[in-house]
Amino acid sequence: MQQRIRQAGLPDCNEVGRLFNEYRIFYNQNADIEAARQYIKERMERHDSVILVAETDQGTDESNGKPISKGLNCTGFVQLYPSFSSVSMGPIWVLNDLFVHPDYRQKGIARKLLQAAKRLASERGVLRISLSTELNNTQAQALYESEGYARDTKFMYYELNV
């Protein structure tokens, strides 16, 4: 199975929206494919985020010999929201969403998405990428740490729902 990572564009809204809908379901949200696609389309049209997608060639999965589902081309995505650091006086990215379709997990796709995000951030002069994950998501934590992300020990983070 051949994987490619590339930046998504408007023609990818349906595929990325499909994955985004599955991502939201993973976080116990109700399925709403049309709203998910619209949300992704708006982010792209407004340049609110940078989305990288993993694509696979159609064919047979080399790890198990099973055919890959027809029509499943985008296998994962990462969504990065631009922000700024006042103290560092420069751009940062917030890695808000990382998702790989369940049929394609444990194949290195999430790692490739993280590495591509890091390369693109470096090319664009981004100072750092920050992220948060659930406390019990130890699998994701291990991946992030293996890619050089360090757990914050200086700051407490708070939220206010409005």
N, C-alpha and C. Protein backbone atom coordinates (compact mmCIF):
# COMPACT_ATOMS: atom_id res chain seq x y z
N MET A 1 0.86 -1.17 0.00
CA MET A 1 0.00 0.00 0.00
C MET A 1 0.90 1.23 0.00
N GLN A 2 0.73 2.07 -0.98
CA GLN A 2 1.52 3.29 -1.12
C GLN A 2 0.77 4.46 -0.52
N GLN A 3 1.44 5.23 0.35
CA GLN A 3 0.83 6.39 0.98
C GLN A 3 1.49 7.67 0.49
N ARG A 4 0.67 8.69 0.28
CA ARG A 4 1.16 10.03 -0.05
C ARG A 4 0.53 11.01 0.93
N ILE A 5 1.29 12.00 1.32
CA ILE A 5 0.77 13.08 2.17
C ILE A 5 0.85 14.35 1.34
N ARG A 6 -0.25 15.10 1.34
CA ARG A 6 -0.28 16.36 0.60
C ARG A 6 -1.25 17.31 1.27
N GLN A 7 -1.12 18.60 0.92
CA GLN A 7 -2.06 19.59 1.45
C GLN A 7 -3.38 19.46 0.70
N ALA A 8 -4.47 19.47 1.45
CA ALA A 8 -5.80 19.37 0.87
C ALA A 8 -6.22 20.72 0.31
N GLY A 9 -7.08 20.66 -0.69
CA GLY A 9 -7.66 21.86 -1.29
C GLY A 9 -9.16 21.70 -1.41
N LEU A 10 -9.81 22.71 -1.95
CA LEU A 10 -11.27 22.69 -2.08
C LEU A 10 -11.83 21.44 -2.77
N PRO A 11 -11.16 20.89 -3.79
CA PRO A 11 -11.70 19.68 -4.41
C PRO A 11 -11.75 18.47 -3.45
N ASP A 12 -11.05 18.57 -2.34
CA ASP A 12 -11.00 17.47 -1.36
C ASP A 12 -12.06 17.57 -0.27
N CYS A 13 -12.90 18.60 -0.31
CA CYS A 13 -13.84 18.85 0.79
C CYS A 13 -14.72 17.64 1.12
N ASN A 14 -15.21 16.94 0.12
CA ASN A 14 -16.09 15.80 0.40
C ASN A 14 -15.35 14.68 1.12
N GLU A 15 -14.16 14.35 0.64
CA GLU A 15 -13.39 13.27 1.27
C GLU A 15 -12.92 13.66 2.67
N VAL A 16 -12.38 14.86 2.82
CA VAL A 16 -11.92 15.30 4.13
C VAL A 16 -13.11 15.45 5.07
N GLY A 17 -14.22 15.96 4.55
CA GLY A 17 -15.43 16.07 5.36
C GLY A 17 -15.91 14.72 5.87
N ARG A 18 -15.81 13.69 5.02
CA ARG A 18 -16.19 12.34 5.43
C ARG A 18 -15.32 11.88 6.60
N LEU A 19 -14.02 12.07 6.47
CA LEU A 19 -13.12 11.69 7.56
C LEU A 19 -13.36 12.54 8.81
N PHE A 20 -13.61 13.83 8.62
CA PHE A 20 -13.86 14.73 9.74
C PHE A 20 -15.12 14.29 10.49
N ASN A 21 -16.14 13.84 9.76
CA ASN A 21 -17.36 13.34 10.39
C ASN A 21 -17.03 12.12 11.25
N GLU A 22 -16.21 11.21 10.74
CA GLU A 22 -15.83 10.02 11.50
C GLU A 22 -15.00 10.41 12.74
N TYR A 23 -14.15 11.41 12.58
CA TYR A 23 -13.36 11.93 13.70
C TYR A 23 -14.28 12.43 14.81
N ARG A 24 -15.30 13.18 14.44
CA ARG A 24 -16.24 13.72 15.42
C ARG A 24 -17.03 12.60 16.10
N ILE A 25 -17.40 11.58 15.34
CA ILE A 25 -18.09 10.43 15.93
C ILE A 25 -17.19 9.76 16.96
N PHE A 26 -15.90 9.65 16.66
CA PHE A 26 -14.92 9.09 17.59
C PHE A 26 -14.95 9.84 18.93
N TYR A 27 -15.21 11.14 18.87
CA TYR A 27 -15.30 11.97 20.08
C TYR A 27 -16.75 12.15 20.54
N ASN A 28 -17.57 11.16 20.27
CA ASN A 28 -18.94 11.06 20.78
C ASN A 28 -19.87 12.17 20.32
N GLN A 29 -19.63 12.70 19.13
CA GLN A 29 -20.53 13.68 18.55
C GLN A 29 -21.48 12.96 17.59
N ASN A 30 -22.63 13.53 17.36
CA ASN A 30 -23.58 12.94 16.42
C ASN A 30 -23.06 13.06 15.00
N ALA A 31 -23.32 12.03 14.21
CA ALA A 31 -22.93 12.06 12.80
C ALA A 31 -23.72 13.15 12.07
N ASP A 32 -23.03 13.91 11.25
CA ASP A 32 -23.66 14.92 10.41
C ASP A 32 -22.71 15.21 9.26
N ILE A 33 -22.75 14.35 8.26
CA ILE A 33 -21.80 14.42 7.16
C ILE A 33 -21.88 15.75 6.41
N GLU A 34 -23.08 16.28 6.21
CA GLU A 34 -23.19 17.54 5.47
C GLU A 34 -22.61 18.71 6.27
N ALA A 35 -22.87 18.75 7.57
CA ALA A 35 -22.30 19.82 8.40
C ALA A 35 -20.78 19.68 8.46
N ALA A 36 -20.28 18.46 8.52
CA ALA A 36 -18.83 18.23 8.56
C ALA A 36 -18.18 18.72 7.26
N ARG A 37 -18.80 18.38 6.15
CA ARG A 37 -18.25 18.83 4.86
C ARG A 37 -18.29 20.35 4.74
N GLN A 38 -19.37 20.96 5.20
CA GLN A 38 -19.50 22.42 5.15
C GLN A 38 -18.44 23.08 6.04
N TYR A 39 -18.23 22.52 7.22
CA TYR A 39 -17.23 23.06 8.14
C TYR A 39 -15.85 23.04 7.49
N ILE A 40 -15.49 21.91 6.89
CA ILE A 40 -14.19 21.78 6.25
C ILE A 40 -14.09 22.75 5.06
N LYS A 41 -15.14 22.85 4.28
CA LYS A 41 -15.15 23.77 3.14
C LYS A 41 -14.92 25.21 3.59
N GLU A 42 -15.60 25.61 4.67
CA GLU A 42 -15.43 26.97 5.19
C GLU A 42 -14.01 27.20 5.67
N ARG A 43 -13.42 26.23 6.33
CA ARG A 43 -12.03 26.41 6.80
C ARG A 43 -11.11 26.63 5.62
N MET A 44 -11.34 25.87 4.55
CA MET A 44 -10.48 26.00 3.37
C MET A 44 -10.73 27.31 2.64
N GLU A 45 -11.99 27.67 2.44
CA GLU A 45 -12.30 28.91 1.73
C GLU A 45 -11.77 30.13 2.48
N ARG A 46 -11.85 30.12 3.79
CA ARG A 46 -11.42 31.26 4.59
C ARG A 46 -9.93 31.20 4.97
N HIS A 47 -9.26 30.13 4.57
CA HIS A 47 -7.85 29.92 4.92
C HIS A 47 -7.66 29.94 6.44
N ASP A 48 -8.65 29.39 7.15
CA ASP A 48 -8.60 29.33 8.61
C ASP A 48 -7.69 28.23 9.11
N SER A 49 -7.45 27.22 8.29
CA SER A 49 -6.63 26.09 8.73
C SER A 49 -5.84 25.54 7.56
N VAL A 50 -4.85 24.75 7.92
CA VAL A 50 -4.08 23.99 6.95
C VAL A 50 -4.43 22.53 7.19
N ILE A 51 -4.84 21.85 6.14
CA ILE A 51 -5.23 20.44 6.27
C ILE A 51 -4.33 19.61 5.36
N LEU A 52 -3.69 18.63 5.96
CA LEU A 52 -2.90 17.67 5.20
C LEU A 52 -3.66 16.36 5.18
N VAL A 53 -3.65 15.68 4.04
CA VAL A 53 -4.34 14.39 3.92
C VAL A 53 -3.35 13.31 3.55
N ALA A 54 -3.67 12.11 4.01
CA ALA A 54 -2.96 10.91 3.59
C ALA A 54 -3.83 10.22 2.55
N GLU A 55 -3.22 9.85 1.45
CA GLU A 55 -3.94 9.15 0.40
C GLU A 55 -3.27 7.80 0.17
N THR A 56 -4.07 6.83 -0.19
CA THR A 56 -3.53 5.52 -0.51
C THR A 56 -3.90 5.15 -1.93
N ASP A 57 -3.02 4.43 -2.58
CA ASP A 57 -3.36 3.87 -3.89
C ASP A 57 -4.40 2.79 -3.68
N GLN A 58 -5.31 2.66 -4.61
CA GLN A 58 -6.27 1.56 -4.56
C GLN A 58 -5.52 0.27 -4.87
N GLY A 59 -5.96 -0.81 -4.27
CA GLY A 59 -5.31 -2.09 -4.54
C GLY A 59 -5.44 -3.01 -3.35
N THR A 60 -4.39 -3.77 -3.09
CA THR A 60 -4.39 -4.76 -2.02
C THR A 60 -3.52 -4.27 -0.88
N ASP A 61 -4.00 -4.45 0.34
CA ASP A 61 -3.23 -4.11 1.53
C ASP A 61 -2.15 -5.19 1.69
N GLU A 62 -0.88 -4.77 1.58
CA GLU A 62 0.22 -5.73 1.64
C GLU A 62 0.32 -6.43 2.98
N SER A 63 -0.14 -5.81 4.05
CA SER A 63 0.00 -6.40 5.38
C SER A 63 -0.92 -7.59 5.60
N ASN A 64 -2.08 -7.60 4.91
CA ASN A 64 -3.01 -8.71 5.14
C ASN A 64 -3.58 -9.31 3.86
N GLY A 65 -3.20 -8.78 2.72
CA GLY A 65 -3.65 -9.33 1.45
C GLY A 65 -5.09 -9.02 1.08
N LYS A 66 -5.78 -8.26 1.92
CA LYS A 66 -7.19 -7.94 1.66
C LYS A 66 -7.30 -6.76 0.71
N PRO A 67 -8.35 -6.76 -0.11
CA PRO A 67 -8.54 -5.60 -1.00
C PRO A 67 -8.89 -4.36 -0.20
N ILE A 68 -8.41 -3.24 -0.68
CA ILE A 68 -8.72 -1.96 -0.05
C ILE A 68 -10.09 -1.52 -0.56
N SER A 69 -10.89 -0.98 0.35
CA SER A 69 -12.24 -0.54 -0.01
C SER A 69 -12.21 0.42 -1.18
N LYS A 70 -13.01 0.15 -2.18
CA LYS A 70 -13.10 1.06 -3.33
C LYS A 70 -13.71 2.37 -2.86
N GLY A 71 -13.18 3.45 -3.38
CA GLY A 71 -13.70 4.76 -3.06
C GLY A 71 -13.07 5.38 -1.82
N LEU A 72 -12.27 4.61 -1.09
CA LEU A 72 -11.61 5.15 0.10
C LEU A 72 -10.22 5.55 -0.30
N ASN A 73 -10.04 6.80 -0.67
CA ASN A 73 -8.75 7.29 -1.12
C ASN A 73 -8.04 8.06 0.00
N CYS A 74 -8.74 8.98 0.66
CA CYS A 74 -8.17 9.70 1.80
C CYS A 74 -8.29 8.80 3.02
N THR A 75 -7.17 8.49 3.62
CA THR A 75 -7.16 7.56 4.75
C THR A 75 -6.95 8.25 6.09
N GLY A 76 -6.53 9.51 6.07
CA GLY A 76 -6.31 10.24 7.31
C GLY A 76 -6.07 11.71 7.02
N PHE A 77 -6.13 12.50 8.09
CA PHE A 77 -5.87 13.94 7.93
C PHE A 77 -5.35 14.52 9.23
N VAL A 78 -4.71 15.67 9.10
CA VAL A 78 -4.33 16.49 10.24
C VAL A 78 -4.78 17.91 9.91
N GLN A 79 -5.37 18.58 10.89
CA GLN A 79 -5.83 19.96 10.71
C GLN A 79 -5.07 20.86 11.68
N LEU A 80 -4.48 21.90 11.13
CA LEU A 80 -3.64 22.82 11.89
C LEU A 80 -4.24 24.22 11.80
N TYR A 81 -4.41 24.86 12.95
CA TYR A 81 -4.96 26.21 12.99
C TYR A 81 -3.84 27.21 13.28
N PRO A 82 -3.66 28.18 12.39
CA PRO A 82 -2.64 29.20 12.64
C PRO A 82 -3.00 30.08 13.84
N SER A 83 -1.99 30.44 14.60
CA SER A 83 -2.13 31.37 15.71
C SER A 83 -0.80 32.10 15.85
N PHE A 84 -0.65 32.83 16.95
CA PHE A 84 0.57 33.59 17.17
C PHE A 84 1.00 33.49 18.63
N SER A 85 2.28 33.64 18.84
CA SER A 85 2.83 33.75 20.19
C SER A 85 3.27 35.19 20.39
N SER A 86 2.65 35.84 21.36
CA SER A 86 3.03 37.23 21.66
C SER A 86 4.44 37.29 22.23
N VAL A 87 4.77 36.39 23.12
CA VAL A 87 6.09 36.40 23.76
C VAL A 87 7.19 36.14 22.74
N SER A 88 6.98 35.15 21.88
CA SER A 88 7.98 34.82 20.86
C SER A 88 7.86 35.70 19.62
N MET A 89 6.78 36.46 19.53
CA MET A 89 6.52 37.36 18.41
C MET A 89 6.59 36.65 17.07
N GLY A 90 5.87 35.54 16.98
CA GLY A 90 5.88 34.82 15.72
C GLY A 90 4.72 33.85 15.61
N PRO A 91 4.58 33.25 14.44
CA PRO A 91 3.46 32.33 14.20
C PRO A 91 3.66 30.97 14.86
N ILE A 92 2.56 30.41 15.31
CA ILE A 92 2.52 29.04 15.81
C ILE A 92 1.32 28.35 15.17
N TRP A 93 1.30 27.06 15.22
CA TRP A 93 0.15 26.28 14.76
C TRP A 93 -0.39 25.46 15.90
N VAL A 94 -1.69 25.33 15.96
CA VAL A 94 -2.36 24.44 16.91
C VAL A 94 -2.82 23.22 16.12
N LEU A 95 -2.25 22.08 16.48
CA LEU A 95 -2.68 20.83 15.86
C LEU A 95 -3.94 20.42 16.61
N ASN A 96 -5.07 20.65 15.98
CA ASN A 96 -6.35 20.43 16.65
C ASN A 96 -6.94 19.06 16.35
N ASP A 97 -6.70 18.54 15.14
CA ASP A 97 -7.33 17.29 14.72
C ASP A 97 -6.32 16.40 14.02
N LEU A 98 -6.26 15.16 14.44
CA LEU A 98 -5.47 14.13 13.77
C LEU A 98 -6.32 12.88 13.77
N PHE A 99 -6.56 12.32 12.59
CA PHE A 99 -7.43 11.16 12.49
C PHE A 99 -6.98 10.27 11.35
N VAL A 100 -6.98 8.97 11.61
CA VAL A 100 -6.73 7.96 10.58
C VAL A 100 -7.91 7.00 10.60
N HIS A 101 -8.44 6.71 9.43
CA HIS A 101 -9.57 5.79 9.31
C HIS A 101 -9.19 4.46 9.99
N PRO A 102 -10.12 3.87 10.75
CA PRO A 102 -9.80 2.63 11.50
C PRO A 102 -9.21 1.51 10.64
N ASP A 103 -9.59 1.40 9.38
CA ASP A 103 -9.05 0.35 8.52
C ASP A 103 -7.58 0.55 8.19
N TYR A 104 -7.04 1.73 8.47
CA TYR A 104 -5.67 2.06 8.08
C TYR A 104 -4.77 2.39 9.27
N ARG A 105 -5.22 2.13 10.46
CA ARG A 105 -4.40 2.42 11.64
C ARG A 105 -3.27 1.41 11.79
N GLN A 106 -2.27 1.79 12.54
CA GLN A 106 -1.09 0.97 12.81
C GLN A 106 -0.28 0.70 11.54
N LYS A 107 -0.32 1.64 10.60
CA LYS A 107 0.45 1.52 9.37
C LYS A 107 1.40 2.70 9.20
N GLY A 108 1.54 3.53 10.23
CA GLY A 108 2.46 4.66 10.17
C GLY A 108 1.89 5.92 9.55
N ILE A 109 0.59 5.94 9.28
CA ILE A 109 -0.01 7.09 8.61
C ILE A 109 -0.02 8.32 9.51
N ALA A 110 -0.42 8.14 10.77
CA ALA A 110 -0.45 9.28 11.71
C ALA A 110 0.96 9.87 11.86
N ARG A 111 1.96 9.01 11.95
CA ARG A 111 3.35 9.48 12.06
C ARG A 111 3.73 10.29 10.81
N LYS A 112 3.38 9.79 9.63
CA LYS A 112 3.70 10.51 8.39
C LYS A 112 2.99 11.86 8.34
N LEU A 113 1.75 11.92 8.82
CA LEU A 113 1.03 13.19 8.87
C LEU A 113 1.72 14.17 9.81
N LEU A 114 2.15 13.70 10.98
CA LEU A 114 2.86 14.56 11.93
C LEU A 114 4.18 15.06 11.34
N GLN A 115 4.90 14.19 10.68
CA GLN A 115 6.17 14.58 10.08
C GLN A 115 5.97 15.59 8.95
N ALA A 116 4.93 15.39 8.16
CA ALA A 116 4.64 16.35 7.08
C ALA A 116 4.23 17.70 7.66
N ALA A 117 3.47 17.70 8.75
CA ALA A 117 3.07 18.96 9.40
C ALA A 117 4.31 19.69 9.90
N LYS A 118 5.23 18.96 10.48
CA LYS A 118 6.46 19.58 10.98
C LYS A 118 7.28 20.19 9.84
N ARG A 119 7.42 19.45 8.74
CA ARG A 119 8.17 19.97 7.58
C ARG A 119 7.52 21.24 7.04
N LEU A 120 6.20 21.21 6.87
CA LEU A 120 5.49 22.37 6.32
C LEU A 120 5.60 23.56 7.27
N ALA A 121 5.48 23.32 8.55
CA ALA A 121 5.62 24.40 9.54
C ALA A 121 7.01 25.02 9.44
N SER A 122 8.02 24.20 9.33
CA SER A 122 9.39 24.70 9.20
C SER A 122 9.55 25.53 7.93
N GLU A 123 9.01 25.04 6.81
CA GLU A 123 9.09 25.78 5.54
C GLU A 123 8.41 27.13 5.63
N ARG A 124 7.35 27.22 6.42
CA ARG A 124 6.57 28.46 6.51
C ARG A 124 6.98 29.36 7.68
N GLY A 125 8.05 29.01 8.37
CA GLY A 125 8.55 29.86 9.44
C GLY A 125 7.74 29.80 10.72
N VAL A 126 6.99 28.74 10.91
CA VAL A 126 6.20 28.56 12.13
C VAL A 126 7.15 28.18 13.27
N LEU A 127 7.00 28.82 14.41
CA LEU A 127 7.90 28.60 15.55
C LEU A 127 7.69 27.27 16.25
N ARG A 128 6.44 26.87 16.39
CA ARG A 128 6.15 25.61 17.08
C ARG A 128 4.73 25.15 16.76
N ILE A 129 4.51 23.88 17.00
CA ILE A 129 3.18 23.28 16.88
C ILE A 129 2.79 22.83 18.28
N SER A 130 1.60 23.24 18.71
CA SER A 130 1.12 22.80 20.02
C SER A 130 -0.13 21.94 19.81
N LEU A 131 -0.39 21.08 20.77
CA LEU A 131 -1.56 20.21 20.70
C LEU A 131 -1.96 19.81 22.11
N SER A 132 -3.16 19.29 22.21
CA SER A 132 -3.61 18.69 23.46
C SER A 132 -4.29 17.39 23.11
N THR A 133 -4.31 16.48 24.06
CA THR A 133 -4.96 15.20 23.87
C THR A 133 -5.56 14.77 25.19
N GLU A 134 -6.54 13.88 25.10
CA GLU A 134 -7.18 13.40 26.33
C GLU A 134 -6.16 12.70 27.22
N LEU A 135 -6.34 12.84 28.52
CA LEU A 135 -5.40 12.26 29.47
C LEU A 135 -5.26 10.75 29.32
N ASN A 136 -6.34 10.08 28.93
CA ASN A 136 -6.28 8.62 28.82
C ASN A 136 -5.87 8.14 27.43
N ASN A 137 -5.55 9.03 26.51
CA ASN A 137 -5.16 8.64 25.16
C ASN A 137 -3.65 8.37 25.12
N THR A 138 -3.25 7.31 25.80
CA THR A 138 -1.83 7.01 25.94
C THR A 138 -1.18 6.61 24.61
N GLN A 139 -1.95 6.02 23.72
CA GLN A 139 -1.39 5.64 22.42
C GLN A 139 -0.97 6.89 21.64
N ALA A 140 -1.84 7.90 21.61
CA ALA A 140 -1.50 9.14 20.92
C ALA A 140 -0.34 9.84 21.63
N GLN A 141 -0.35 9.84 22.95
CA GLN A 141 0.73 10.47 23.70
C GLN A 141 2.08 9.84 23.36
N ALA A 142 2.11 8.52 23.26
CA ALA A 142 3.36 7.83 22.91
C ALA A 142 3.83 8.23 21.51
N LEU A 143 2.88 8.35 20.57
CA LEU A 143 3.23 8.77 19.22
C LEU A 143 3.80 10.18 19.23
N TYR A 144 3.10 11.11 19.90
CA TYR A 144 3.57 12.49 19.93
C TYR A 144 4.96 12.59 20.54
N GLU A 145 5.15 11.92 21.65
CA GLU A 145 6.45 11.97 22.31
C GLU A 145 7.55 11.35 21.45
N SER A 146 7.24 10.28 20.71
CA SER A 146 8.23 9.67 19.83
C SER A 146 8.60 10.58 18.67
N GLU A 147 7.74 11.55 18.36
CA GLU A 147 8.02 12.52 17.30
C GLU A 147 8.59 13.84 17.84
N GLY A 148 8.94 13.86 19.12
CA GLY A 148 9.62 15.02 19.68
C GLY A 148 8.74 16.01 20.41
N TYR A 149 7.45 15.77 20.48
CA TYR A 149 6.57 16.65 21.25
C TYR A 149 6.84 16.43 22.73
N ALA A 150 6.90 17.53 23.48
CA ALA A 150 7.18 17.45 24.91
C ALA A 150 5.95 17.88 25.70
N ARG A 151 5.67 17.17 26.75
CA ARG A 151 4.54 17.52 27.62
C ARG A 151 4.86 18.83 28.35
N ASP A 152 3.92 19.74 28.35
CA ASP A 152 4.10 21.02 29.01
C ASP A 152 4.11 20.84 30.52
N THR A 153 5.11 21.39 31.16
CA THR A 153 5.19 21.31 32.62
C THR A 153 5.23 22.69 33.26
N LYS A 154 5.10 23.75 32.44
CA LYS A 154 5.19 25.12 32.95
C LYS A 154 3.84 25.80 33.13
N PHE A 155 2.87 25.42 32.29
CA PHE A 155 1.61 26.16 32.26
C PHE A 155 0.43 25.24 32.55
N MET A 156 -0.59 25.81 33.16
CA MET A 156 -1.88 25.16 33.32
C MET A 156 -2.78 25.76 32.25
N TYR A 157 -3.57 24.94 31.64
CA TYR A 157 -4.50 25.41 30.62
C TYR A 157 -5.90 25.39 31.17
N TYR A 158 -6.65 26.43 30.85
CA TYR A 158 -8.03 26.57 31.29
C TYR A 158 -8.94 26.79 30.09
N GLU A 159 -10.20 26.48 30.26
CA GLU A 159 -11.19 26.73 29.24
C GLU A 159 -12.40 27.40 29.85
N LEU A 160 -13.06 28.19 29.05
CA LEU A 160 -14.31 28.82 29.45
C LEU A 160 -15.31 28.60 28.34
N ASN A 161 -16.35 27.86 28.59
CA ASN A 161 -17.40 27.69 27.59
C ASN A 161 -18.30 28.92 27.60
N VAL A 162 -18.58 29.46 26.45
CA VAL A 162 -19.43 30.66 26.35
C VAL A 162 -20.63 30.38 25.46
